C-alpha atoms as a PDB file:
ATOM      1  CA  UNK A   1     -24.288 -30.678  15.375  1.00  0.00           C
ATOM      2  CA  UNK A   2     -21.578 -28.059  15.473  1.00  0.00           C
ATOM      3  CA  UNK A   3     -22.720 -24.473  15.722  1.00  0.00           C
ATOM      4  CA  UNK A   4     -21.221 -21.625  13.767  1.00  0.00           C
ATOM      5  CA  UNK A   5     -19.299 -18.879  15.509  1.00  0.00           C
ATOM      6  CA  UNK A   6     -21.309 -16.085  17.073  1.00  0.00           C
ATOM      7  CA  UNK A   7     -19.737 -13.594  14.663  1.00  0.00           C
ATOM      8  CA  UNK A   8     -21.175 -15.268  11.557  1.00  0.00           C
ATOM      9  CA  UNK A   9     -24.529 -13.511  11.594  1.00  0.00           C
ATOM     10  CA  UNK A  10     -22.976 -10.058  12.025  1.00  0.00           C
ATOM     11  CA  UNK A  11     -19.972 -10.403   9.709  1.00  0.00           C
ATOM     12  CA  UNK A  12     -20.193  -8.902   6.243  1.00  0.00           C
ATOM     13  CA  UNK A  13     -18.163 -10.903   3.734  1.00  0.00           C
ATOM     14  CA  UNK A  14     -15.626  -8.988   1.659  1.00  0.00           C
ATOM     15  CA  UNK A  15     -15.547 -10.455  -1.875  1.00  0.00           C
ATOM     16  CA  UNK A  16     -11.891  -9.511  -2.351  1.00  0.00           C
ATOM     17  CA  UNK A  17     -10.756 -11.543   0.675  1.00  0.00           C
ATOM     18  CA  UNK A  18     -10.957 -15.202   1.631  1.00  0.00           C
ATOM     19  CA  UNK A  19     -12.478 -16.586   4.802  1.00  0.00           C
ATOM     20  CA  UNK A  20      -9.102 -16.407   6.543  1.00  0.00           C
ATOM     21  CA  UNK A  21      -8.463 -12.802   5.468  1.00  0.00           C
ATOM     22  CA  UNK A  22      -6.050 -13.388   2.588  1.00  0.00           C
ATOM     23  CA  UNK A  23      -6.488 -11.355  -0.579  1.00  0.00           C
ATOM     24  CA  UNK A  24      -7.940 -13.059  -3.654  1.00  0.00           C
ATOM     25  CA  UNK A  25      -5.675 -12.608  -6.670  1.00  0.00           C
ATOM     26  CA  UNK A  26      -8.327 -13.382  -9.292  1.00  0.00           C
ATOM     27  CA  UNK A  27     -10.039  -9.981  -9.589  1.00  0.00           C
ATOM     28  CA  UNK A  28      -6.787  -7.979  -9.537  1.00  0.00           C
ATOM     29  CA  UNK A  29      -5.298  -6.586 -12.736  1.00  0.00           C
ATOM     30  CA  UNK A  30      -1.642  -6.704 -13.775  1.00  0.00           C
ATOM     31  CA  UNK A  31      -0.715  -3.295 -12.347  1.00  0.00           C
ATOM     32  CA  UNK A  32      -2.267  -4.106  -8.980  1.00  0.00           C
ATOM     33  CA  UNK A  33      -0.396  -7.418  -8.915  1.00  0.00           C
ATOM     34  CA  UNK A  34       2.902  -5.634  -9.668  1.00  0.00           C
ATOM     35  CA  UNK A  35       2.425  -3.252  -6.746  1.00  0.00           C
ATOM     36  CA  UNK A  36       1.441  -6.132  -4.479  1.00  0.00           C
ATOM     37  CA  UNK A  37       4.554  -8.054  -5.540  1.00  0.00           C
ATOM     38  CA  UNK A  38       6.714  -5.081  -4.595  1.00  0.00           C
ATOM     39  CA  UNK A  39       5.140  -4.837  -1.147  1.00  0.00           C
ATOM     40  CA  UNK A  40       5.177  -8.563  -0.388  1.00  0.00           C
ATOM     41  CA  UNK A  41       8.095 -10.046   1.502  1.00  0.00           C
ATOM     42  CA  UNK A  42       6.853 -13.634   1.815  1.00  0.00           C
ATOM     43  CA  UNK A  43       8.222 -16.042  -0.807  1.00  0.00           C
ATOM     44  CA  UNK A  44       5.008 -18.080  -0.856  1.00  0.00           C
ATOM     45  CA  UNK A  45       2.883 -15.017  -1.620  1.00  0.00           C
ATOM     46  CA  UNK A  46       5.379 -13.787  -4.204  1.00  0.00           C
ATOM     47  CA  UNK A  47       5.209 -17.118  -6.009  1.00  0.00           C
ATOM     48  CA  UNK A  48       1.427 -17.002  -6.156  1.00  0.00           C
ATOM     49  CA  UNK A  49       1.478 -13.418  -7.436  1.00  0.00           C
ATOM     50  CA  UNK A  50       4.080 -14.228 -10.112  1.00  0.00           C
ATOM     51  CA  UNK A  51       2.073 -17.255 -11.243  1.00  0.00           C
ATOM     52  CA  UNK A  52      -1.061 -15.107 -11.596  1.00  0.00           C
ATOM     53  CA  UNK A  53       0.926 -12.483 -13.543  1.00  0.00           C
ATOM     54  CA  UNK A  54       2.212 -15.169 -15.944  1.00  0.00           C
ATOM     55  CA  UNK A  55      -1.361 -16.334 -16.478  1.00  0.00           C
ATOM     56  CA  UNK A  56      -2.481 -12.802 -17.325  1.00  0.00           C
ATOM     57  CA  UNK A  57       0.461 -12.465 -19.731  1.00  0.00           C
ATOM     58  CA  UNK A  58      -0.564 -15.660 -21.510  1.00  0.00           C
ATOM     59  CA  UNK A  59      -4.105 -14.352 -21.843  1.00  0.00           C
ATOM     60  CA  UNK A  60      -2.850 -11.059 -23.216  1.00  0.00           C
ATOM     61  CA  UNK A  61      -4.270  -8.985 -20.392  1.00  0.00           C
ATOM     62  CA  UNK A  62      -1.068  -7.039 -19.785  1.00  0.00           C
ATOM     63  CA  UNK A  63      -1.347  -3.274 -20.258  1.00  0.00           C
ATOM     64  CA  UNK A  64       0.541  -1.977 -23.251  1.00  0.00           C
ATOM     65  CA  UNK A  65       3.024   0.739 -22.515  1.00  0.00           C
ATOM     66  CA  UNK A  66       2.738   3.776 -24.699  1.00  0.00           C
ATOM     67  CA  UNK A  67       5.904   4.192 -26.691  1.00  0.00           C
ATOM     68  CA  UNK A  68       6.691   7.587 -28.151  1.00  0.00           C
ATOM     69  CA  UNK A  69       7.784   7.191 -31.730  1.00  0.00           C
ATOM     70  CA  UNK A  70       9.240  10.188 -33.481  1.00  0.00           C
ATOM     71  CA  UNK A  71       7.965  10.804 -36.973  1.00  0.00           C
ATOM     72  CA  UNK A  72      10.695  11.180 -39.596  1.00  0.00           C
ATOM     73  CA  UNK A  73      11.159  14.649 -40.994  1.00  0.00           C
ATOM     74  CA  UNK A  74      10.699  15.426 -44.676  1.00  0.00           C
ATOM     75  CA  UNK A  75      14.475  15.473 -45.160  1.00  0.00           C
ATOM     76  CA  UNK A  76      14.856  12.021 -43.621  1.00  0.00           C
ATOM     77  CA  UNK A  77      12.040  10.656 -45.780  1.00  0.00           C
ATOM     78  CA  UNK A  78      13.548  12.056 -48.957  1.00  0.00           C
ATOM     79  CA  UNK A  79      16.968  10.648 -47.996  1.00  0.00           C
ATOM     80  CA  UNK A  80      15.394   7.212 -47.510  1.00  0.00           C
ATOM     81  CA  UNK A  81      13.787   7.376 -50.968  1.00  0.00           C
ATOM     82  CA  UNK A  82      16.986   8.428 -52.706  1.00  0.00           C
ATOM     83  CA  UNK A  83      18.924   5.555 -51.183  1.00  0.00           C
ATOM     84  CA  UNK A  84      16.871   3.089 -53.210  1.00  0.00           C
END
C-alpha cells in the first residue's frame, strides 16, 4: 500500500487552487478573468480563460457597463414633436 506524502496531514487545502497549485477558473467572475487574461503569457492558460469567459457570456453573467445617456432638452423634444 502506498503511503501519502508526509505533508498531507499538515497541508491546508486552498479551495481556489488545484492539487498542483493551478488556479481554478470556476469561482472567478468576468472582471477577475479579464485581469488574469491580461497577466497571463501562456497560450494554454489564455485559451482556458477565454473559454470560461465565453461560457459566462452565454450565461449572461457579464457585468453591464453603465452608459451615460444625455436627456434631451425641452427644445429638442419640442423640435422632435413638430417634425411629425
